[in-house]
Amino acid sequence: MVKKSFIENGFEDLKNKLKSIFNAENKETSEIVSDNLPVILRTDDRPIRNIGYSILFVMIGVFGTWSYIAPIGSSSLASGVVAVKTHRKTIQHLEGGIVDSISVRDGDYVNSGATLLTLDSTQVKAQIEIFSGQYISLAAIDARLTAERTESNEIKFPDTFKDLNDSRVQEAIQGQQQIFIARGDSHKGEINLLSQRVKQLGLKITGLKTQQKSKRRLLGSYAEEISDIKELLAEGFADKQRLRELQRQHTMTQGDIASLTTEVASAQMQQGETELEIVQTTRKFQEQIATQSEEVNAELFSINEQLIVAVDKAERSIIKAPVSGFILGMATHTDGGVVMPGSPILDIVPEDEELIVTAQVALMDIDKVVVGTSAEIRFSAFSSKTTPVMEGRVKTISADTLTDPVTGMPFYEAVIELTPESTQKLGGLVLIPGMPAEVLINTGKRTFFEYLVQPLSDAFSRSFIEE
């Protein structure tokens, strides 16, 4: 009320002054002005309001048109970390063992092939010695059996024996040569004995056949003499006693011939049996060689495999760096400590490897993120004022969800590769694996109007779902 009365008093003062001015000229004019002055004063701000309304309507129209037709980039925000493209190399040992010596510490730089850790190899070296001795012995036996099988005059030992500086090699060679000579002499002696028997039986058969021929000639002589005696006896010039004696001798000679024939047949049979025995002895000897050779080869193969495994264990007792890089996360620091089988010993962060950014994409955004999509990367470890935004592209997306071990939240892992142009923008700044990053993955474009309408559209579509 105070403000209103103040305004009304102001109008009254102004009206009185105007009346006094116009009274000198024309009373009628003064009355007209006096009557219409409030109207004139009330309508003086109308043009200004019209201009304001016009500007407001134009701005609303421009903004509405822009919001409907102008595209705005849509992005998916994801947290990420810098990683090596080939990942960190975790060093493990299959069997584990006792630490003999440690050659590196956390933060050390190592070249590829450098010794990291040495495990105690006493047991495996003892196994190698045992298996090596068995291998040498079996290889020498196999060489001797090969020489016996091929009926060679000497043993051809493996060429590898020449390269082995081992006293057991010479012992094995000498031992097998002695066995080779002894077995050869025994076999040859047995064959020679049987051959001599065959030869003797042959001579016996020859003698018996000679006796047969002599007896047959004697038998023929008896037959002629008996014939002559019979003629003389018929004429009375011979004695019957003489005839009977010749007939008895003739019969006895026939018996001798038959006996000789039997002896020849028996000797020939013995000769055949002896020759067969020679063949069987040789065959038996070869069969023994073949059987022994199979057994030796089987044992040789088994020992060789065990020796390979033992040598591999011995070589792996010296743990070496597979790549050049920096040592990280040493799990053992004490000589004499125990390394469990398959447990991580240390990690190596490869040097000069291409760096990538692994980002955790939210489940609701995965349908918009595809391979090849561009991305903007900001590294929170650097100052935002001096560090430019890096560009990259989505290289791969995990086929299924992963779970964050800290938060337990599921996510899709997207691998972002930095463009060569972006890496040049870093200048003297160095990216380090494990550095946090903020990733904006371009998911397309929408207008501002679509941004405003989308929630209403989603709510509208859900409202018609039948329960």
Protein backbone atom coordinates (compact mmCIF):
# COMPACT_ATOMS: atom_id res chain seq x y z
CA MET A 1 0.00 0.00 0.00
CA VAL A 2 2.86 2.38 0.73
CA LYS A 3 4.41 1.68 -2.66
CA LYS A 4 1.05 2.19 -4.40
CA SER A 5 0.28 5.50 -2.64
CA PHE A 6 3.75 6.73 -3.44
CA ILE A 7 3.21 6.07 -7.15
CA GLU A 8 -0.23 7.68 -7.07
CA ASN A 9 1.16 10.80 -5.32
CA GLY A 10 3.85 11.02 -8.00
CA PHE A 11 1.23 10.94 -10.73
CA GLU A 12 -0.80 13.63 -8.92
CA ASP A 13 2.18 15.97 -8.63
CA LEU A 14 3.03 15.51 -12.29
CA LYS A 15 -0.58 16.12 -13.30
CA ASN A 16 -0.79 19.35 -11.27
CA LYS A 17 2.36 20.72 -12.84
CA LEU A 18 1.09 19.96 -16.36
CA LYS A 19 -2.23 21.61 -15.55
CA SER A 20 -0.55 24.78 -14.43
CA ILE A 21 1.41 24.94 -17.67
CA PHE A 22 -1.53 24.35 -19.98
CA ASN A 23 -3.94 26.65 -18.08
CA ALA A 24 -2.24 29.71 -19.54
CA GLU A 25 -3.08 28.68 -23.07
CA ASN A 26 -6.23 26.73 -23.05
CA LYS A 27 -8.29 25.40 -20.24
CA GLU A 28 -9.95 22.85 -22.50
CA THR A 29 -6.66 21.44 -23.62
CA SER A 30 -5.58 21.13 -20.03
CA GLU A 31 -8.65 19.16 -19.19
CA ILE A 32 -8.09 16.77 -22.10
CA VAL A 33 -4.50 16.21 -21.12
CA SER A 34 -5.50 15.83 -17.51
CA ASP A 35 -8.08 13.23 -18.38
CA ASN A 36 -5.83 11.17 -20.76
CA LEU A 37 -2.49 11.48 -19.02
CA PRO A 38 -2.72 8.20 -17.09
CA VAL A 39 -3.55 6.41 -20.33
CA ILE A 40 -0.56 7.91 -22.13
CA LEU A 41 1.77 7.00 -19.29
CA ARG A 42 0.38 3.48 -19.11
CA THR A 43 0.99 2.70 -22.83
CA ASP A 44 4.54 4.03 -23.22
CA ASP A 45 6.27 0.53 -22.49
CA ARG A 46 4.23 -1.45 -24.99
CA PRO A 47 6.75 -1.22 -27.90
CA ILE A 48 9.53 -2.34 -25.62
CA ARG A 49 7.54 -5.33 -24.49
CA ASN A 50 6.73 -6.21 -28.08
CA ILE A 51 10.39 -6.12 -29.00
CA GLY A 52 11.20 -8.33 -26.00
CA TYR A 53 8.52 -10.80 -26.90
CA SER A 54 9.74 -10.90 -30.49
CA ILE A 55 13.29 -11.59 -29.41
CA LEU A 56 12.09 -14.30 -27.04
CA PHE A 57 9.99 -15.98 -29.71
CA VAL A 58 12.86 -15.84 -32.20
CA MET A 59 15.24 -17.40 -29.67
CA ILE A 60 12.75 -20.11 -28.84
CA GLY A 61 12.25 -20.82 -32.53
CA VAL A 62 15.98 -20.92 -33.25
CA PHE A 63 16.64 -23.14 -30.23
CA GLY A 64 13.77 -25.45 -31.15
CA THR A 65 14.98 -25.74 -34.73
CA TRP A 66 18.54 -26.36 -33.58
CA SER A 67 17.47 -28.98 -31.04
CA TYR A 68 15.48 -30.81 -33.71
CA ILE A 69 17.98 -30.84 -36.58
CA ALA A 70 21.44 -30.26 -35.11
CA PRO A 71 23.24 -33.57 -34.24
CA ILE A 72 25.08 -33.96 -30.95
CA GLY A 73 27.75 -36.63 -30.47
CA SER A 74 26.78 -39.51 -28.17
CA SER A 75 29.48 -41.24 -26.12
CA SER A 76 29.84 -44.02 -23.61
CA LEU A 77 31.99 -43.18 -20.61
CA ALA A 78 34.24 -46.00 -19.44
CA SER A 79 37.09 -46.24 -16.98
CA GLY A 80 40.26 -47.83 -18.24
CA VAL A 81 43.94 -48.46 -17.62
CA VAL A 82 47.04 -48.38 -19.79
CA ALA A 83 48.34 -51.86 -20.59
CA VAL A 84 50.94 -53.51 -22.76
CA LYS A 85 49.51 -54.90 -25.97
CA THR A 86 51.18 -58.28 -25.41
CA HIS A 87 50.32 -58.13 -21.67
CA ARG A 88 52.70 -58.55 -18.77
CA LYS A 89 54.71 -61.76 -18.80
CA THR A 90 54.06 -63.79 -15.66
CA ILE A 91 56.97 -66.11 -14.90
CA GLN A 92 56.06 -69.49 -13.38
CA HIS A 93 57.72 -72.87 -12.91
CA LEU A 94 55.95 -76.14 -13.65
CA GLU A 95 57.43 -78.30 -10.87
CA GLY A 96 58.64 -75.62 -8.48
CA GLY A 97 61.60 -76.25 -6.23
CA ILE A 98 64.10 -74.76 -3.80
CA VAL A 99 65.60 -71.37 -4.69
CA ASP A 100 69.36 -71.66 -5.17
CA SER A 101 70.04 -68.04 -6.16
CA ILE A 102 68.15 -64.88 -7.15
CA SER A 103 69.66 -62.68 -9.85
CA VAL A 104 67.16 -59.79 -10.04
CA ARG A 105 65.09 -57.51 -7.86
CA ASP A 106 61.92 -55.47 -8.35
CA GLY A 107 62.44 -52.62 -10.78
CA ASP A 108 65.50 -54.16 -12.47
CA TYR A 109 65.72 -54.05 -16.24
CA VAL A 110 66.55 -57.39 -17.87
CA ASN A 111 67.34 -58.41 -21.41
CA SER A 112 65.68 -61.33 -23.11
CA GLY A 113 67.40 -64.57 -22.07
CA ALA A 114 68.89 -63.13 -18.87
CA THR A 115 68.89 -65.37 -15.79
CA LEU A 116 66.21 -64.39 -13.30
CA LEU A 117 66.27 -67.21 -10.78
CA THR A 118 68.09 -70.50 -10.30
CA LEU A 119 66.48 -73.48 -8.60
CA ASP A 120 68.40 -76.27 -6.89
CA SER A 121 69.08 -79.05 -9.42
CA THR A 122 70.82 -81.67 -7.26
CA GLN A 123 68.12 -84.31 -7.63
CA VAL A 124 67.59 -83.82 -11.33
CA LYS A 125 71.33 -83.95 -12.01
CA ALA A 126 71.51 -87.27 -10.17
CA GLN A 127 68.67 -88.56 -12.33
CA ILE A 128 70.52 -87.42 -15.45
CA GLU A 129 73.62 -89.35 -14.36
CA ILE A 130 71.59 -92.51 -13.79
CA PHE A 131 69.67 -92.25 -17.04
CA SER A 132 72.83 -91.37 -18.99
CA GLY A 133 74.62 -94.46 -17.72
CA GLN A 134 71.67 -96.67 -18.61
CA TYR A 135 71.41 -95.06 -22.03
CA ILE A 136 75.10 -95.59 -22.80
CA SER A 137 74.92 -99.23 -21.72
CA LEU A 138 71.78 -99.96 -23.73
CA ALA A 139 73.10 -98.14 -26.80
CA ALA A 140 76.28 -100.25 -26.69
CA ILE A 141 74.22 -103.46 -26.34
CA ASP A 142 72.06 -102.41 -29.27
CA ALA A 143 75.16 -101.81 -31.41
CA ARG A 144 76.52 -105.25 -30.49
CA LEU A 145 73.21 -106.97 -31.30
CA THR A 146 73.10 -105.18 -34.65
CA ALA A 147 76.56 -106.47 -35.49
CA GLU A 148 75.55 -110.01 -34.49
CA ARG A 149 72.36 -109.83 -36.52
CA THR A 150 74.19 -108.69 -39.66
CA GLU A 151 77.07 -111.14 -38.96
CA SER A 152 79.58 -108.29 -39.06
CA ASN A 153 83.15 -108.78 -37.97
CA GLU A 154 83.15 -105.69 -35.73
CA ILE A 155 80.70 -103.51 -33.81
CA LYS A 156 79.80 -100.08 -35.15
CA PHE A 157 79.02 -97.95 -32.11
CA PRO A 158 76.93 -94.74 -32.33
CA ASP A 159 78.74 -91.60 -33.48
CA THR A 160 77.44 -89.83 -30.37
CA PHE A 161 79.82 -91.95 -28.31
CA LYS A 162 82.73 -90.02 -29.81
CA ASP A 163 81.34 -86.73 -28.49
CA LEU A 164 80.71 -88.02 -24.97
CA ASN A 165 83.52 -87.32 -22.55
CA ASP A 166 82.44 -90.06 -20.21
CA SER A 167 84.47 -92.97 -18.86
CA ARG A 168 81.33 -95.11 -18.94
CA VAL A 169 81.40 -94.98 -22.73
CA GLN A 170 84.76 -96.77 -22.96
CA GLU A 171 83.67 -99.26 -20.33
CA ALA A 172 80.51 -100.03 -22.28
CA ILE A 173 82.43 -100.36 -25.56
CA GLN A 174 85.01 -102.72 -24.09
CA GLY A 175 82.39 -104.79 -22.32
CA GLN A 176 80.25 -105.26 -25.41
CA GLN A 177 83.25 -106.05 -27.59
CA GLN A 178 84.22 -108.82 -25.20
CA ILE A 179 80.67 -110.18 -25.20
CA PHE A 180 80.59 -109.92 -28.99
CA ILE A 181 83.78 -111.94 -29.34
CA ALA A 182 82.72 -114.53 -26.74
CA ARG A 183 79.26 -115.03 -28.20
CA GLY A 184 80.67 -115.15 -31.71
CA ASP A 185 83.28 -117.72 -30.80
CA SER A 186 80.70 -119.83 -28.96
CA HIS A 187 78.30 -119.75 -31.87
CA LYS A 188 80.99 -120.43 -34.43
CA GLY A 189 82.39 -123.26 -32.28
CA GLU A 190 78.99 -124.90 -32.06
CA ILE A 191 78.48 -124.57 -35.81
CA ASN A 192 81.98 -125.88 -36.53
CA LEU A 193 81.39 -128.88 -34.28
CA LEU A 194 78.20 -129.73 -36.09
CA SER A 195 79.86 -129.16 -39.43
CA GLN A 196 82.65 -131.55 -38.50
CA ARG A 197 80.07 -134.13 -37.56
CA VAL A 198 78.39 -133.70 -40.93
CA LYS A 199 81.75 -134.09 -42.61
CA GLN A 200 82.54 -137.24 -40.64
CA LEU A 201 79.19 -138.73 -41.49
CA GLY A 202 79.86 -137.95 -45.12
CA LEU A 203 83.15 -139.81 -44.97
CA LYS A 204 81.47 -142.71 -43.22
CA ILE A 205 78.81 -142.86 -45.91
CA THR A 206 81.49 -142.83 -48.58
CA GLY A 207 83.32 -145.72 -46.85
CA LEU A 208 80.15 -147.73 -46.48
CA LYS A 209 79.29 -147.25 -50.13
CA THR A 210 82.80 -148.39 -51.06
CA GLN A 211 82.31 -151.51 -48.96
CA GLN A 212 79.00 -152.06 -50.69
CA LYS A 213 80.67 -151.98 -54.07
CA SER A 214 83.34 -154.43 -52.89
CA LYS A 215 80.75 -156.78 -51.45
CA ARG A 216 78.74 -156.65 -54.66
CA ARG A 217 81.81 -157.58 -56.70
CA LEU A 218 82.53 -160.41 -54.23
CA LEU A 219 78.91 -161.50 -54.49
CA GLY A 220 79.22 -161.64 -58.27
CA SER A 221 82.40 -163.68 -57.96
CA TYR A 222 80.64 -166.13 -55.65
CA ALA A 223 77.79 -166.45 -58.09
CA GLU A 224 80.13 -167.28 -61.01
CA GLU A 225 82.09 -169.74 -58.91
CA ILE A 226 78.89 -171.45 -57.74
CA SER A 227 77.80 -171.75 -61.35
CA ASP A 228 81.12 -173.32 -62.35
CA ILE A 229 81.04 -175.74 -59.40
CA LYS A 230 77.57 -176.82 -60.35
CA GLU A 231 78.75 -177.68 -63.88
CA LEU A 232 81.74 -179.64 -62.58
CA LEU A 233 79.55 -181.36 -60.00
CA ALA A 234 77.23 -182.50 -62.77
CA GLU A 235 80.23 -184.08 -64.58
CA GLY A 236 81.48 -185.62 -61.34
CA PHE A 237 84.57 -183.50 -61.07
CA ALA A 238 83.56 -181.43 -58.01
CA ASP A 239 82.62 -181.89 -54.38
CA LYS A 240 79.21 -180.87 -53.00
CA GLN A 241 80.86 -179.64 -49.87
CA ARG A 242 82.67 -177.00 -51.85
CA LEU A 243 79.38 -175.94 -53.47
CA ARG A 244 77.65 -175.60 -50.11
CA GLU A 245 80.52 -173.55 -48.72
CA LEU A 246 80.36 -171.12 -51.68
CA GLN A 247 76.61 -170.82 -51.32
CA ARG A 248 77.00 -169.97 -47.63
CA GLN A 249 79.59 -167.30 -48.45
CA HIS A 250 77.33 -165.91 -51.17
CA THR A 251 74.44 -165.65 -48.71
CA MET A 252 76.64 -164.02 -46.08
CA THR A 253 77.86 -161.48 -48.62
CA GLN A 254 74.28 -160.60 -49.48
CA GLY A 255 73.66 -160.03 -45.77
CA ASP A 256 76.74 -157.82 -45.54
CA ILE A 257 75.51 -155.74 -48.48
CA ALA A 258 72.10 -155.32 -46.84
CA SER A 259 73.75 -154.33 -43.56
CA LEU A 260 75.93 -151.78 -45.35
CA THR A 261 72.87 -150.36 -47.07
CA THR A 262 71.21 -149.91 -43.69
CA GLU A 263 74.31 -148.24 -42.27
CA VAL A 264 74.49 -145.86 -45.25
CA ALA A 265 70.87 -144.91 -44.77
CA SER A 266 71.42 -144.36 -41.04
CA ALA A 267 74.53 -142.27 -41.67
CA GLN A 268 72.70 -140.18 -44.26
CA MET A 269 69.86 -139.62 -41.81
CA GLN A 270 72.32 -138.54 -39.12
CA GLN A 271 74.00 -136.26 -41.61
CA GLY A 272 70.65 -134.63 -42.49
CA GLU A 273 69.74 -134.21 -38.85
CA THR A 274 73.10 -132.59 -38.13
CA GLU A 275 72.72 -130.20 -41.05
CA LEU A 276 69.22 -129.34 -39.79
CA GLU A 277 70.67 -128.79 -36.33
CA ILE A 278 73.14 -126.33 -37.83
CA VAL A 279 70.28 -124.40 -39.42
CA GLN A 280 68.25 -124.50 -36.21
CA THR A 281 71.21 -123.36 -34.13
CA THR A 282 71.80 -120.40 -36.43
CA ARG A 283 68.10 -119.57 -36.47
CA LYS A 284 67.85 -119.84 -32.69
CA PHE A 285 70.84 -117.55 -32.32
CA GLN A 286 69.24 -114.97 -34.63
CA GLU A 287 65.91 -115.26 -32.81
CA GLN A 288 67.64 -114.63 -29.50
CA ILE A 289 69.33 -111.59 -31.02
CA ALA A 290 66.01 -110.30 -32.37
CA THR A 291 64.25 -110.79 -29.03
CA GLN A 292 67.05 -109.11 -27.11
CA SER A 293 67.15 -106.31 -29.67
CA GLU A 294 63.42 -105.60 -29.24
CA GLU A 295 63.76 -105.54 -25.46
CA VAL A 296 66.82 -103.30 -25.62
CA ASN A 297 65.17 -100.91 -28.07
CA ALA A 298 62.10 -100.64 -25.83
CA GLU A 299 64.26 -99.94 -22.79
CA LEU A 300 66.40 -97.56 -24.82
CA PHE A 301 63.35 -95.59 -25.92
CA SER A 302 62.02 -95.41 -22.36
CA ILE A 303 65.36 -94.32 -20.93
CA ASN A 304 65.81 -91.76 -23.70
CA GLU A 305 62.40 -90.22 -22.91
CA GLN A 306 63.22 -90.09 -19.20
CA LEU A 307 66.59 -88.56 -20.01
CA ILE A 308 64.97 -85.89 -22.18
CA VAL A 309 62.57 -85.02 -19.35
CA ALA A 310 65.39 -84.88 -16.81
CA VAL A 311 67.55 -82.68 -19.06
CA ASP A 312 64.57 -80.41 -19.66
CA LYS A 313 64.04 -80.10 -15.91
CA ALA A 314 67.71 -79.27 -15.42
CA GLU A 315 67.58 -76.59 -18.12
CA ARG A 316 64.40 -75.13 -16.65
CA SER A 317 65.95 -74.94 -13.20
CA ILE A 318 67.61 -71.81 -14.60
CA ILE A 319 64.65 -69.47 -15.09
CA LYS A 320 65.31 -66.94 -17.86
CA ALA A 321 63.54 -63.84 -19.10
CA PRO A 322 61.41 -64.51 -22.20
CA VAL A 323 61.42 -60.82 -23.18
CA SER A 324 63.27 -57.64 -22.33
CA GLY A 325 61.58 -55.46 -19.75
CA PHE A 326 61.27 -54.41 -16.13
CA ILE A 327 60.86 -56.75 -13.16
CA LEU A 328 57.64 -56.39 -11.20
CA GLY A 329 55.99 -58.23 -8.34
CA MET A 330 58.76 -60.52 -7.07
CA ALA A 331 57.11 -63.28 -5.02
CA THR A 332 60.31 -64.72 -3.54
CA HIS A 333 63.27 -62.86 -2.09
CA THR A 334 65.20 -65.50 -0.14
CA ASP A 335 67.81 -68.04 -1.21
CA GLY A 336 66.59 -71.42 -0.04
CA GLY A 337 62.96 -70.40 -0.29
CA VAL A 338 60.41 -72.69 -1.86
CA VAL A 339 58.70 -72.00 -5.18
CA MET A 340 55.37 -73.80 -5.39
CA PRO A 341 54.49 -75.58 -8.66
CA GLY A 342 52.76 -73.25 -11.10
CA SER A 343 52.74 -70.29 -8.71
CA PRO A 344 53.69 -66.81 -10.07
CA ILE A 345 57.32 -65.97 -9.35
CA LEU A 346 57.48 -62.50 -10.90
CA ASP A 347 56.17 -60.39 -13.77
CA ILE A 348 58.04 -58.72 -16.60
CA VAL A 349 56.63 -55.57 -18.16
CA PRO A 350 57.90 -55.70 -21.77
CA GLU A 351 59.86 -52.71 -23.00
CA ASP A 352 59.15 -50.91 -26.28
CA GLU A 353 55.90 -52.78 -26.67
CA GLU A 354 52.86 -51.01 -28.07
CA LEU A 355 50.61 -49.66 -25.34
CA ILE A 356 46.84 -49.97 -25.35
CA VAL A 357 44.00 -48.92 -23.08
CA THR A 358 41.64 -51.54 -21.68
CA ALA A 359 38.26 -50.01 -20.84
CA GLN A 360 35.34 -51.38 -18.84
CA VAL A 361 32.20 -50.79 -20.93
CA ALA A 362 28.87 -50.75 -19.10
CA LEU A 363 26.40 -53.48 -20.02
CA MET A 364 23.78 -50.97 -21.18
CA ASP A 365 26.22 -49.43 -23.69
CA ILE A 366 27.56 -52.59 -25.29
CA ASP A 367 25.01 -52.56 -28.11
CA LYS A 368 26.39 -49.21 -29.28
CA VAL A 369 30.09 -50.02 -29.00
CA VAL A 370 31.50 -51.84 -32.02
CA VAL A 371 34.97 -52.65 -33.29
CA GLY A 372 36.44 -49.69 -35.14
CA THR A 373 34.53 -47.09 -33.13
CA SER A 374 36.54 -43.94 -32.38
CA ALA A 375 37.28 -42.99 -28.79
CA GLU A 376 38.68 -40.05 -26.84
CA ILE A 377 41.06 -40.81 -24.01
CA ARG A 378 42.06 -38.61 -21.10
CA PHE A 379 44.78 -39.60 -18.66
CA SER A 380 43.94 -38.43 -15.17
CA ALA A 381 47.57 -38.75 -14.09
CA PHE A 382 48.48 -35.83 -16.37
CA SER A 383 47.35 -32.23 -16.05
CA SER A 384 44.19 -31.66 -18.10
CA LYS A 385 45.40 -28.14 -18.99
CA THR A 386 48.61 -29.28 -20.68
CA THR A 387 47.69 -32.77 -21.88
CA PRO A 388 45.64 -33.00 -25.06
CA VAL A 389 42.80 -35.46 -25.53
CA MET A 390 44.12 -38.62 -27.21
CA GLU A 391 42.34 -40.34 -30.05
CA GLY A 392 42.00 -44.08 -30.42
CA ARG A 393 39.89 -46.82 -31.93
CA VAL A 394 38.22 -49.87 -30.47
CA LYS A 395 40.32 -52.86 -31.52
CA THR A 396 38.49 -55.71 -29.80
CA ILE A 397 35.53 -56.28 -27.49
CA SER A 398 35.25 -59.24 -25.13
CA ALA A 399 32.84 -61.93 -26.28
CA ASP A 400 31.21 -62.13 -22.86
CA THR A 401 31.07 -60.18 -19.64
CA LEU A 402 33.92 -60.10 -17.16
CA THR A 403 33.70 -59.33 -13.45
CA ASP A 404 35.66 -56.62 -11.70
CA PRO A 405 37.52 -58.39 -8.87
CA VAL A 406 37.26 -55.28 -6.67
CA THR A 407 33.68 -54.10 -7.17
CA GLY A 408 32.18 -57.37 -8.37
CA MET A 409 30.38 -55.50 -11.15
CA PRO A 410 30.10 -57.11 -14.60
CA PHE A 411 31.46 -55.31 -17.65
CA TYR A 412 32.63 -55.82 -21.22
CA GLU A 413 36.31 -55.23 -21.88
CA ALA A 414 37.13 -53.03 -24.85
CA VAL A 415 40.71 -52.75 -26.09
CA ILE A 416 41.50 -49.24 -27.39
CA GLU A 417 44.51 -48.67 -29.64
CA LEU A 418 45.97 -45.17 -29.70
CA THR A 419 46.41 -43.62 -33.12
CA PRO A 420 50.01 -42.80 -34.18
CA GLU A 421 49.07 -39.13 -34.41
CA SER A 422 47.89 -39.12 -30.79
CA THR A 423 51.09 -40.61 -29.41
CA GLN A 424 53.06 -37.78 -30.99
CA LYS A 425 50.98 -35.27 -29.02
CA LEU A 426 52.35 -36.58 -25.73
CA GLY A 427 55.65 -34.83 -26.22
CA GLY A 428 57.84 -35.63 -23.26
CA LEU A 429 55.09 -37.38 -21.33
CA VAL A 430 55.47 -41.12 -20.92
CA LEU A 431 52.61 -43.60 -20.64
CA ILE A 432 53.19 -46.29 -18.04
CA PRO A 433 51.28 -49.59 -17.84
CA GLY A 434 48.70 -49.42 -15.08
CA MET A 435 48.06 -45.69 -15.52
CA PRO A 436 44.34 -44.83 -15.14
CA ALA A 437 42.45 -43.42 -18.10
CA GLU A 438 39.01 -42.00 -18.82
CA VAL A 439 37.60 -43.21 -22.13
CA LEU A 440 34.75 -41.68 -24.11
CA ILE A 441 33.71 -44.15 -26.80
CA ASN A 442 31.73 -42.59 -29.63
CA THR A 443 28.39 -44.39 -29.85
CA GLY A 444 26.82 -42.26 -32.61
CA LYS A 445 24.91 -38.97 -32.95
CA ARG A 446 21.48 -37.78 -31.75
CA THR A 447 19.71 -34.42 -31.73
CA PHE A 448 19.02 -32.52 -28.53
CA PHE A 449 15.32 -33.10 -29.12
CA GLU A 450 15.92 -36.86 -29.17
CA TYR A 451 17.81 -36.59 -25.88
CA LEU A 452 14.79 -34.85 -24.35
CA VAL A 453 12.18 -37.17 -25.85
CA GLN A 454 14.03 -40.48 -25.27
CA PRO A 455 13.15 -40.81 -21.54
CA LEU A 456 9.51 -39.96 -22.26
CA SER A 457 9.45 -42.43 -25.15
CA ASP A 458 10.96 -45.19 -23.01
CA ALA A 459 8.50 -44.51 -20.20
CA PHE A 460 5.63 -44.44 -22.68
CA SER A 461 6.67 -47.80 -24.22
CA ARG A 462 7.03 -49.42 -20.80
CA SER A 463 3.67 -48.15 -19.63
CA PHE A 464 1.83 -50.35 -22.15
CA ILE A 465 3.42 -53.61 -21.01
CA GLU A 466 0.66 -55.97 -19.96
CA GLU A 467 1.10 -57.47 -16.54
